Structure formats: structure tokens, C-alpha cells
Amino acid sequence: MRVMNTNLCASPDGRDSLGALIGMVRGEIVRAIEADLAAQGADLKFTQFHVLKRLANIGPMTATELARAVDLDGGAMTRQLDQLEAKGYLRRTPHEQDRRALRIELTEAGVALWRHLHESNVATLERAQKDLSGDERTKLLDYLQRVLCALREKN
């Protein structure tokens, strides 16, 4: 059984709530990923990286679907798409079934960039969990998914 040392990473006020801890963990993950991106010479912020990751993992989708997948509003999504399209990493193409919509997809350069960055992303997330056993990792993911589902439930 592992003993948790809470003094190493305690919050400044010493009172960690679920929300505060999740926020701090997310902030550290974002900082670590952005540091890795900079070290690899990728001119991307976390949100742009997240957009590329979703497109690489899920495939082409509408801007609305993508905004929902990365938790951005429409205006913020448009700015991210404009920047990534200008860098040559994605393109907007007409949707096959809805002529009012566009499909967002990675270009060859976007796919190549994702392949280049993917291993670094995996390594960063691995570092974040280095002190957890396999069973603890499984439980952590289960707990977080259950919290997320509970928060998304509509009563």
C-alpha cells in the first residue's frame, strides 16, 4: 500500500477541494505539454494541440462537433481553426450531407505533426502518473469518468 505525502504538492491555502485539485492537475498537464511542444519546436499552444489530437483520434468532423469535443465556444473554435489552417495543419471542406456545414480534417502536414508529437504527449501523461500502480491508474480513470458523467447528467 502506498502512503500519500500530501505536503509535497499541497495547495497554497492547504484546503484542496475536488474542483481545486482537478484544476491544478489540468494546469500542470497543460504547462507540461506546452513545454514539450516548445522543446520540439512546435509553434502551438495547448488548445491547438488539443484540436489536432481530437481530429487525429476521432477523424474529420464539423466545427460544431469539434468545438464540443475540445470544450470551446464557436468564436474561440473559429480562431483556432483559422490559425491551424494558416499553418497548413487542417482544412475545411464542404460537408457531404449538409451544404451549410464544413468538415474539418487534418492535412498531410497535420497528420505528420501529430505523429511527431504523439509520443511526447504519451510520455507527458505517463510522467503525470508515474507514482500510480496499474490498478490505481485504472481506478483514477474510472473515478474521473464517473465524476464527469455525474456532472453531465441532466435532471
N, C-alpha and C. Protein backbone atom coordinates (compact mmCIF):
# COMPACT_ATOMS: atom_id res chain seq x y z
N MET A 1 0.83 -1.17 0.00
CA MET A 1 0.00 0.00 0.00
C MET A 1 0.88 1.24 0.00
N ARG A 2 0.55 2.18 -0.84
CA ARG A 2 1.32 3.42 -0.92
C ARG A 2 0.81 4.42 0.11
N VAL A 3 1.72 5.19 0.67
CA VAL A 3 1.35 6.24 1.60
C VAL A 3 1.46 7.55 0.86
N MET A 4 0.41 8.32 0.89
CA MET A 4 0.39 9.59 0.15
C MET A 4 1.00 10.70 1.00
N ASN A 5 1.98 11.38 0.46
CA ASN A 5 2.58 12.53 1.12
C ASN A 5 1.89 13.77 0.60
N THR A 6 0.97 14.31 1.36
CA THR A 6 0.19 15.46 0.89
C THR A 6 0.94 16.77 1.01
N ASN A 7 2.07 16.80 1.70
CA ASN A 7 2.80 18.05 1.88
C ASN A 7 3.56 18.47 0.64
N LEU A 8 3.92 17.52 -0.23
CA LEU A 8 4.73 17.84 -1.39
C LEU A 8 4.03 18.74 -2.40
N CYS A 9 2.73 18.55 -2.56
CA CYS A 9 2.01 19.26 -3.60
C CYS A 9 0.74 19.92 -3.06
N ALA A 10 0.77 20.35 -1.83
CA ALA A 10 -0.42 20.95 -1.23
C ALA A 10 -0.72 22.30 -1.87
N SER A 11 -1.99 22.64 -1.87
CA SER A 11 -2.38 23.95 -2.39
C SER A 11 -1.91 25.03 -1.43
N PRO A 12 -1.80 26.28 -1.89
CA PRO A 12 -1.30 27.35 -1.03
C PRO A 12 -2.11 27.53 0.26
N ASP A 13 -3.42 27.33 0.21
CA ASP A 13 -4.23 27.52 1.42
C ASP A 13 -4.42 26.24 2.22
N GLY A 14 -3.90 25.11 1.72
CA GLY A 14 -3.99 23.86 2.44
C GLY A 14 -5.36 23.20 2.39
N ARG A 15 -6.30 23.77 1.67
CA ARG A 15 -7.65 23.20 1.60
C ARG A 15 -7.95 22.84 0.15
N ASP A 16 -7.71 21.61 -0.20
CA ASP A 16 -7.94 21.17 -1.57
C ASP A 16 -9.34 20.56 -1.70
N SER A 17 -10.10 21.11 -2.60
CA SER A 17 -11.38 20.52 -2.94
C SER A 17 -11.20 19.73 -4.23
N LEU A 18 -12.19 18.94 -4.58
CA LEU A 18 -12.13 18.19 -5.83
C LEU A 18 -11.89 19.14 -7.00
N GLY A 19 -12.65 20.21 -7.05
CA GLY A 19 -12.50 21.17 -8.15
C GLY A 19 -11.13 21.81 -8.20
N ALA A 20 -10.61 22.17 -7.03
CA ALA A 20 -9.29 22.79 -6.98
C ALA A 20 -8.21 21.82 -7.44
N LEU A 21 -8.28 20.59 -6.95
CA LEU A 21 -7.29 19.60 -7.36
C LEU A 21 -7.34 19.31 -8.85
N ILE A 22 -8.54 19.13 -9.38
CA ILE A 22 -8.67 18.87 -10.81
C ILE A 22 -8.14 20.05 -11.60
N GLY A 23 -8.44 21.25 -11.16
CA GLY A 23 -7.93 22.45 -11.84
C GLY A 23 -6.42 22.54 -11.81
N MET A 24 -5.82 22.23 -10.66
CA MET A 24 -4.36 22.27 -10.55
C MET A 24 -3.71 21.19 -11.42
N VAL A 25 -4.29 19.98 -11.41
CA VAL A 25 -3.74 18.91 -12.24
C VAL A 25 -3.82 19.31 -13.71
N ARG A 26 -4.97 19.82 -14.15
CA ARG A 26 -5.12 20.25 -15.54
C ARG A 26 -4.09 21.33 -15.89
N GLY A 27 -3.92 22.30 -15.00
CA GLY A 27 -2.94 23.37 -15.24
C GLY A 27 -1.54 22.83 -15.42
N GLU A 28 -1.15 21.88 -14.58
CA GLU A 28 0.19 21.29 -14.69
C GLU A 28 0.34 20.47 -15.96
N ILE A 29 -0.70 19.75 -16.35
CA ILE A 29 -0.64 18.99 -17.60
C ILE A 29 -0.50 19.93 -18.78
N VAL A 30 -1.28 21.01 -18.80
CA VAL A 30 -1.19 21.99 -19.88
C VAL A 30 0.21 22.57 -19.95
N ARG A 31 0.77 22.98 -18.79
CA ARG A 31 2.13 23.55 -18.78
C ARG A 31 3.16 22.53 -19.29
N ALA A 32 3.04 21.28 -18.87
CA ALA A 32 3.99 20.26 -19.30
C ALA A 32 3.89 20.01 -20.80
N ILE A 33 2.68 19.94 -21.32
CA ILE A 33 2.50 19.71 -22.76
C ILE A 33 3.02 20.90 -23.56
N GLU A 34 2.73 22.12 -23.11
CA GLU A 34 3.23 23.30 -23.82
C GLU A 34 4.75 23.38 -23.78
N ALA A 35 5.36 22.98 -22.66
CA ALA A 35 6.83 22.95 -22.58
C ALA A 35 7.39 21.92 -23.57
N ASP A 36 6.75 20.76 -23.65
CA ASP A 36 7.19 19.73 -24.61
C ASP A 36 7.02 20.22 -26.05
N LEU A 37 5.90 20.89 -26.33
CA LEU A 37 5.68 21.43 -27.67
C LEU A 37 6.78 22.42 -28.04
N ALA A 38 7.10 23.32 -27.11
CA ALA A 38 8.15 24.31 -27.35
C ALA A 38 9.51 23.64 -27.55
N ALA A 39 9.80 22.62 -26.74
CA ALA A 39 11.08 21.91 -26.86
C ALA A 39 11.22 21.21 -28.21
N GLN A 40 10.09 20.82 -28.79
CA GLN A 40 10.12 20.15 -30.09
C GLN A 40 10.01 21.14 -31.25
N GLY A 41 9.93 22.42 -30.94
CA GLY A 41 9.86 23.44 -31.98
C GLY A 41 8.48 23.58 -32.60
N ALA A 42 7.46 23.02 -31.96
CA ALA A 42 6.10 23.13 -32.49
C ALA A 42 5.51 24.46 -32.03
N ASP A 43 5.12 25.28 -32.97
CA ASP A 43 4.54 26.58 -32.67
C ASP A 43 3.05 26.43 -32.39
N LEU A 44 2.74 25.78 -31.26
CA LEU A 44 1.35 25.51 -30.90
C LEU A 44 1.14 25.78 -29.42
N LYS A 45 -0.04 26.20 -29.08
CA LYS A 45 -0.49 26.27 -27.70
C LYS A 45 -1.28 25.01 -27.41
N PHE A 46 -1.60 24.77 -26.15
CA PHE A 46 -2.30 23.56 -25.76
C PHE A 46 -3.61 23.39 -26.50
N THR A 47 -4.39 24.45 -26.62
CA THR A 47 -5.70 24.33 -27.27
C THR A 47 -5.56 23.88 -28.71
N GLN A 48 -4.58 24.41 -29.43
CA GLN A 48 -4.35 23.99 -30.81
C GLN A 48 -3.90 22.53 -30.85
N PHE A 49 -3.05 22.15 -29.94
CA PHE A 49 -2.61 20.76 -29.83
C PHE A 49 -3.82 19.86 -29.58
N HIS A 50 -4.70 20.28 -28.69
CA HIS A 50 -5.89 19.51 -28.36
C HIS A 50 -6.80 19.33 -29.58
N VAL A 51 -6.94 20.38 -30.39
CA VAL A 51 -7.73 20.30 -31.62
C VAL A 51 -7.12 19.25 -32.56
N LEU A 52 -5.81 19.32 -32.76
CA LEU A 52 -5.13 18.35 -33.62
C LEU A 52 -5.30 16.92 -33.08
N LYS A 53 -5.17 16.78 -31.77
CA LYS A 53 -5.30 15.45 -31.15
C LYS A 53 -6.69 14.88 -31.37
N ARG A 54 -7.73 15.69 -31.19
CA ARG A 54 -9.10 15.21 -31.40
C ARG A 54 -9.32 14.82 -32.85
N LEU A 55 -8.84 15.63 -33.78
CA LEU A 55 -9.01 15.28 -35.19
C LEU A 55 -8.24 14.01 -35.54
N ALA A 56 -7.05 13.86 -34.98
CA ALA A 56 -6.25 12.66 -35.25
C ALA A 56 -6.92 11.41 -34.67
N ASN A 57 -7.51 11.54 -33.50
CA ASN A 57 -8.10 10.38 -32.82
C ASN A 57 -9.52 10.06 -33.27
N ILE A 58 -10.29 11.08 -33.62
CA ILE A 58 -11.70 10.86 -33.96
C ILE A 58 -11.93 10.90 -35.47
N GLY A 59 -11.15 11.74 -36.16
CA GLY A 59 -11.33 11.88 -37.60
C GLY A 59 -12.08 13.16 -37.94
N PRO A 60 -12.31 13.39 -39.22
CA PRO A 60 -12.98 14.62 -39.65
C PRO A 60 -14.33 14.81 -38.98
N MET A 61 -14.67 16.06 -38.69
CA MET A 61 -15.95 16.40 -38.08
C MET A 61 -16.28 17.84 -38.37
N THR A 62 -17.51 18.23 -38.05
CA THR A 62 -17.90 19.63 -38.26
C THR A 62 -17.24 20.49 -37.19
N ALA A 63 -17.23 21.79 -37.42
CA ALA A 63 -16.66 22.72 -36.45
C ALA A 63 -17.44 22.66 -35.14
N THR A 64 -18.74 22.48 -35.22
CA THR A 64 -19.56 22.39 -34.00
C THR A 64 -19.21 21.14 -33.21
N GLU A 65 -19.07 20.02 -33.89
CA GLU A 65 -18.68 18.77 -33.20
C GLU A 65 -17.30 18.91 -32.57
N LEU A 66 -16.38 19.52 -33.30
CA LEU A 66 -15.02 19.69 -32.80
C LEU A 66 -15.00 20.64 -31.60
N ALA A 67 -15.77 21.73 -31.69
CA ALA A 67 -15.84 22.66 -30.56
C ALA A 67 -16.34 21.95 -29.31
N ARG A 68 -17.34 21.11 -29.47
CA ARG A 68 -17.88 20.34 -28.34
C ARG A 68 -16.81 19.37 -27.82
N ALA A 69 -16.06 18.76 -28.72
CA ALA A 69 -15.04 17.77 -28.33
C ALA A 69 -13.88 18.38 -27.55
N VAL A 70 -13.59 19.66 -27.80
CA VAL A 70 -12.48 20.32 -27.10
C VAL A 70 -12.97 21.40 -26.14
N ASP A 71 -14.28 21.48 -25.95
CA ASP A 71 -14.89 22.38 -24.98
C ASP A 71 -14.57 23.85 -25.26
N LEU A 72 -14.84 24.27 -26.50
CA LEU A 72 -14.68 25.68 -26.88
C LEU A 72 -16.00 26.23 -27.40
N ASP A 73 -16.19 27.53 -27.26
CA ASP A 73 -17.37 28.14 -27.87
C ASP A 73 -17.07 28.39 -29.35
N GLY A 74 -18.10 28.75 -30.10
CA GLY A 74 -17.97 28.91 -31.55
C GLY A 74 -16.91 29.90 -31.98
N GLY A 75 -16.87 31.07 -31.32
CA GLY A 75 -15.89 32.09 -31.68
C GLY A 75 -14.47 31.64 -31.44
N ALA A 76 -14.24 31.03 -30.29
CA ALA A 76 -12.89 30.54 -29.97
C ALA A 76 -12.49 29.43 -30.93
N MET A 77 -13.46 28.57 -31.29
CA MET A 77 -13.16 27.48 -32.22
C MET A 77 -12.76 28.04 -33.58
N THR A 78 -13.48 29.04 -34.05
CA THR A 78 -13.16 29.67 -35.34
C THR A 78 -11.75 30.23 -35.34
N ARG A 79 -11.35 30.91 -34.25
CA ARG A 79 -9.99 31.45 -34.16
C ARG A 79 -8.94 30.35 -34.22
N GLN A 80 -9.18 29.26 -33.50
CA GLN A 80 -8.23 28.15 -33.51
C GLN A 80 -8.13 27.52 -34.90
N LEU A 81 -9.29 27.34 -35.54
CA LEU A 81 -9.29 26.76 -36.88
C LEU A 81 -8.57 27.67 -37.87
N ASP A 82 -8.81 28.97 -37.78
CA ASP A 82 -8.13 29.92 -38.67
C ASP A 82 -6.61 29.81 -38.52
N GLN A 83 -6.15 29.77 -37.26
CA GLN A 83 -4.70 29.70 -37.01
C GLN A 83 -4.10 28.39 -37.50
N LEU A 84 -4.78 27.28 -37.22
CA LEU A 84 -4.26 25.98 -37.65
C LEU A 84 -4.33 25.81 -39.16
N GLU A 85 -5.35 26.37 -39.79
CA GLU A 85 -5.44 26.32 -41.25
C GLU A 85 -4.33 27.16 -41.88
N ALA A 86 -4.04 28.33 -41.28
CA ALA A 86 -2.97 29.19 -41.79
C ALA A 86 -1.61 28.50 -41.68
N LYS A 87 -1.43 27.65 -40.69
CA LYS A 87 -0.18 26.90 -40.52
C LYS A 87 -0.13 25.67 -41.41
N GLY A 88 -1.24 25.36 -42.08
CA GLY A 88 -1.28 24.23 -43.00
C GLY A 88 -1.59 22.89 -42.36
N TYR A 89 -2.09 22.88 -41.11
CA TYR A 89 -2.33 21.63 -40.40
C TYR A 89 -3.74 21.06 -40.57
N LEU A 90 -4.67 21.89 -40.98
CA LEU A 90 -6.02 21.39 -41.24
C LEU A 90 -6.65 22.14 -42.39
N ARG A 91 -7.76 21.59 -42.86
CA ARG A 91 -8.50 22.25 -43.94
C ARG A 91 -9.99 22.08 -43.67
N ARG A 92 -10.74 23.01 -44.22
CA ARG A 92 -12.20 22.96 -44.15
C ARG A 92 -12.69 22.53 -45.53
N THR A 93 -13.50 21.49 -45.57
CA THR A 93 -14.05 21.02 -46.85
C THR A 93 -15.57 20.97 -46.74
N PRO A 94 -16.27 21.08 -47.85
CA PRO A 94 -17.73 21.00 -47.80
C PRO A 94 -18.19 19.66 -47.22
N HIS A 95 -19.22 19.73 -46.41
CA HIS A 95 -19.80 18.52 -45.81
C HIS A 95 -20.60 17.79 -46.88
N GLU A 96 -20.49 16.48 -46.91
CA GLU A 96 -21.16 15.69 -47.95
C GLU A 96 -22.67 15.76 -47.86
N GLN A 97 -23.23 15.76 -46.64
CA GLN A 97 -24.68 15.72 -46.49
C GLN A 97 -25.33 17.06 -46.15
N ASP A 98 -24.57 18.01 -45.64
CA ASP A 98 -25.14 19.30 -45.22
C ASP A 98 -24.36 20.42 -45.88
N ARG A 99 -24.95 21.01 -46.90
CA ARG A 99 -24.21 22.02 -47.66
C ARG A 99 -23.94 23.30 -46.86
N ARG A 100 -24.61 23.46 -45.71
CA ARG A 100 -24.36 24.62 -44.85
C ARG A 100 -23.15 24.40 -43.96
N ALA A 101 -22.73 23.16 -43.80
CA ALA A 101 -21.65 22.83 -42.86
C ALA A 101 -20.35 22.52 -43.59
N LEU A 102 -19.28 22.64 -42.84
CA LEU A 102 -17.95 22.29 -43.33
C LEU A 102 -17.40 21.16 -42.47
N ARG A 103 -16.63 20.30 -43.10
CA ARG A 103 -15.92 19.25 -42.36
C ARG A 103 -14.50 19.74 -42.13
N ILE A 104 -14.03 19.52 -40.92
CA ILE A 104 -12.67 19.90 -40.56
C ILE A 104 -11.84 18.62 -40.57
N GLU A 105 -10.73 18.64 -41.28
CA GLU A 105 -9.87 17.46 -41.34
C GLU A 105 -8.41 17.87 -41.34
N LEU A 106 -7.57 16.96 -40.87
CA LEU A 106 -6.13 17.20 -40.88
C LEU A 106 -5.59 17.11 -42.30
N THR A 107 -4.62 17.95 -42.60
CA THR A 107 -3.89 17.83 -43.85
C THR A 107 -2.77 16.81 -43.65
N GLU A 108 -2.04 16.52 -44.70
CA GLU A 108 -0.88 15.63 -44.55
C GLU A 108 0.11 16.21 -43.55
N ALA A 109 0.30 17.53 -43.60
CA ALA A 109 1.21 18.18 -42.64
C ALA A 109 0.69 18.04 -41.22
N GLY A 110 -0.62 18.14 -41.04
CA GLY A 110 -1.22 17.97 -39.72
C GLY A 110 -1.06 16.56 -39.19
N VAL A 111 -1.25 15.58 -40.06
CA VAL A 111 -1.06 14.17 -39.67
C VAL A 111 0.41 13.94 -39.30
N ALA A 112 1.32 14.46 -40.11
CA ALA A 112 2.75 14.28 -39.82
C ALA A 112 3.13 14.94 -38.50
N LEU A 113 2.60 16.14 -38.26
CA LEU A 113 2.88 16.82 -36.99
C LEU A 113 2.34 16.01 -35.82
N TRP A 114 1.11 15.52 -35.95
CA TRP A 114 0.55 14.72 -34.87
C TRP A 114 1.39 13.48 -34.59
N ARG A 115 1.84 12.80 -35.62
CA ARG A 115 2.69 11.61 -35.43
C ARG A 115 3.97 11.99 -34.69
N HIS A 116 4.49 13.15 -35.01
CA HIS A 116 5.71 13.64 -34.37
C HIS A 116 5.47 13.96 -32.89
N LEU A 117 4.31 14.54 -32.57
CA LEU A 117 4.03 14.99 -31.22
C LEU A 117 3.41 13.91 -30.32
N HIS A 118 2.84 12.90 -30.93
CA HIS A 118 2.09 11.90 -30.18
C HIS A 118 2.92 11.23 -29.07
N GLU A 119 4.11 10.79 -29.38
CA GLU A 119 4.94 10.10 -28.39
C GLU A 119 5.28 11.00 -27.21
N SER A 120 5.52 12.27 -27.49
CA SER A 120 5.81 13.22 -26.42
C SER A 120 4.60 13.39 -25.52
N ASN A 121 3.41 13.42 -26.11
CA ASN A 121 2.18 13.54 -25.34
C ASN A 121 2.00 12.34 -24.44
N VAL A 122 2.22 11.16 -24.99
CA VAL A 122 2.10 9.93 -24.19
C VAL A 122 3.10 9.96 -23.04
N ALA A 123 4.32 10.40 -23.31
CA ALA A 123 5.36 10.45 -22.27
C ALA A 123 4.98 11.45 -21.17
N THR A 124 4.41 12.58 -21.54
CA THR A 124 3.99 13.57 -20.55
C THR A 124 2.91 13.01 -19.63
N LEU A 125 1.93 12.34 -20.22
CA LEU A 125 0.85 11.76 -19.41
C LEU A 125 1.37 10.60 -18.56
N GLU A 126 2.36 9.90 -19.08
CA GLU A 126 2.99 8.82 -18.31
C GLU A 126 3.71 9.41 -17.09
N ARG A 127 4.44 10.50 -17.29
CA ARG A 127 5.12 11.16 -16.17
C ARG A 127 4.13 11.60 -15.10
N ALA A 128 2.98 12.06 -15.54
CA ALA A 128 1.96 12.52 -14.59
C ALA A 128 1.45 11.40 -13.70
N GLN A 129 1.54 10.17 -14.19
CA GLN A 129 1.01 9.01 -13.45
C GLN A 129 2.11 8.09 -12.91
N LYS A 130 3.34 8.53 -12.94
CA LYS A 130 4.47 7.65 -12.61
C LYS A 130 4.39 7.05 -11.22
N ASP A 131 3.77 7.72 -10.27
CA ASP A 131 3.70 7.20 -8.91
C ASP A 131 2.47 6.34 -8.66
N LEU A 132 1.70 6.05 -9.70
CA LEU A 132 0.49 5.24 -9.56
C LEU A 132 0.72 3.84 -10.11
N SER A 133 0.20 2.86 -9.42
CA SER A 133 0.26 1.48 -9.93
C SER A 133 -0.74 1.34 -11.07
N GLY A 134 -0.68 0.24 -11.76
CA GLY A 134 -1.64 -0.01 -12.84
C GLY A 134 -3.06 0.00 -12.34
N ASP A 135 -3.28 -0.62 -11.19
CA ASP A 135 -4.63 -0.65 -10.60
C ASP A 135 -5.08 0.76 -10.21
N GLU A 136 -4.18 1.54 -9.65
CA GLU A 136 -4.52 2.92 -9.27
C GLU A 136 -4.85 3.77 -10.50
N ARG A 137 -4.11 3.57 -11.59
CA ARG A 137 -4.40 4.30 -12.82
C ARG A 137 -5.79 3.96 -13.34
N THR A 138 -6.12 2.67 -13.32
CA THR A 138 -7.44 2.23 -13.77
C THR A 138 -8.53 2.84 -12.91
N LYS A 139 -8.32 2.82 -11.60
CA LYS A 139 -9.31 3.39 -10.68
C LYS A 139 -9.44 4.90 -10.86
N LEU A 140 -8.32 5.59 -11.04
CA LEU A 140 -8.36 7.04 -11.23
C LEU A 140 -9.19 7.39 -12.46
N LEU A 141 -8.93 6.71 -13.58
CA LEU A 141 -9.71 6.96 -14.80
C LEU A 141 -11.18 6.66 -14.58
N ASP A 142 -11.48 5.57 -13.88
CA ASP A 142 -12.86 5.23 -13.59
C ASP A 142 -13.51 6.32 -12.74
N TYR A 143 -12.84 6.76 -11.70
CA TYR A 143 -13.40 7.79 -10.83
C TYR A 143 -13.66 9.09 -11.59
N LEU A 144 -12.68 9.50 -12.39
CA LEU A 144 -12.84 10.76 -13.13
C LEU A 144 -13.96 10.66 -14.17
N GLN A 145 -14.07 9.49 -14.84
CA GLN A 145 -15.16 9.32 -15.81
C GLN A 145 -16.51 9.35 -15.11
N ARG A 146 -16.60 8.76 -13.93
CA ARG A 146 -17.86 8.77 -13.18
C ARG A 146 -18.22 10.18 -12.72
N VAL A 147 -17.23 10.95 -12.27
CA VAL A 147 -17.48 12.34 -11.86
C VAL A 147 -17.96 13.13 -13.07
N LEU A 148 -17.29 12.97 -14.21
CA LEU A 148 -17.68 13.67 -15.43
C LEU A 148 -19.11 13.32 -15.84
N CYS A 149 -19.43 12.03 -15.83
CA CYS A 149 -20.79 11.60 -16.20
C CYS A 149 -21.82 12.18 -15.24
N ALA A 150 -21.51 12.19 -13.95
CA ALA A 150 -22.45 12.75 -12.97
C ALA A 150 -22.69 14.23 -13.22
N LEU A 151 -21.65 14.94 -13.58
CA LEU A 151 -21.78 16.38 -13.84
C LEU A 151 -22.54 16.65 -15.14
N ARG A 152 -22.43 15.75 -16.09
CA ARG A 152 -23.11 15.94 -17.38
C ARG A 152 -24.57 15.47 -17.36
N GLU A 153 -24.96 14.73 -16.34
CA GLU A 153 -26.34 14.25 -16.26
C GLU A 153 -27.28 15.44 -16.15
N LYS A 154 -28.37 15.33 -16.86
CA LYS A 154 -29.39 16.38 -16.81
C LYS A 154 -30.58 15.84 -16.05
N ASN A 155 -30.93 16.51 -14.98
CA ASN A 155 -32.09 16.05 -14.18
C ASN A 155 -33.35 16.75 -14.63
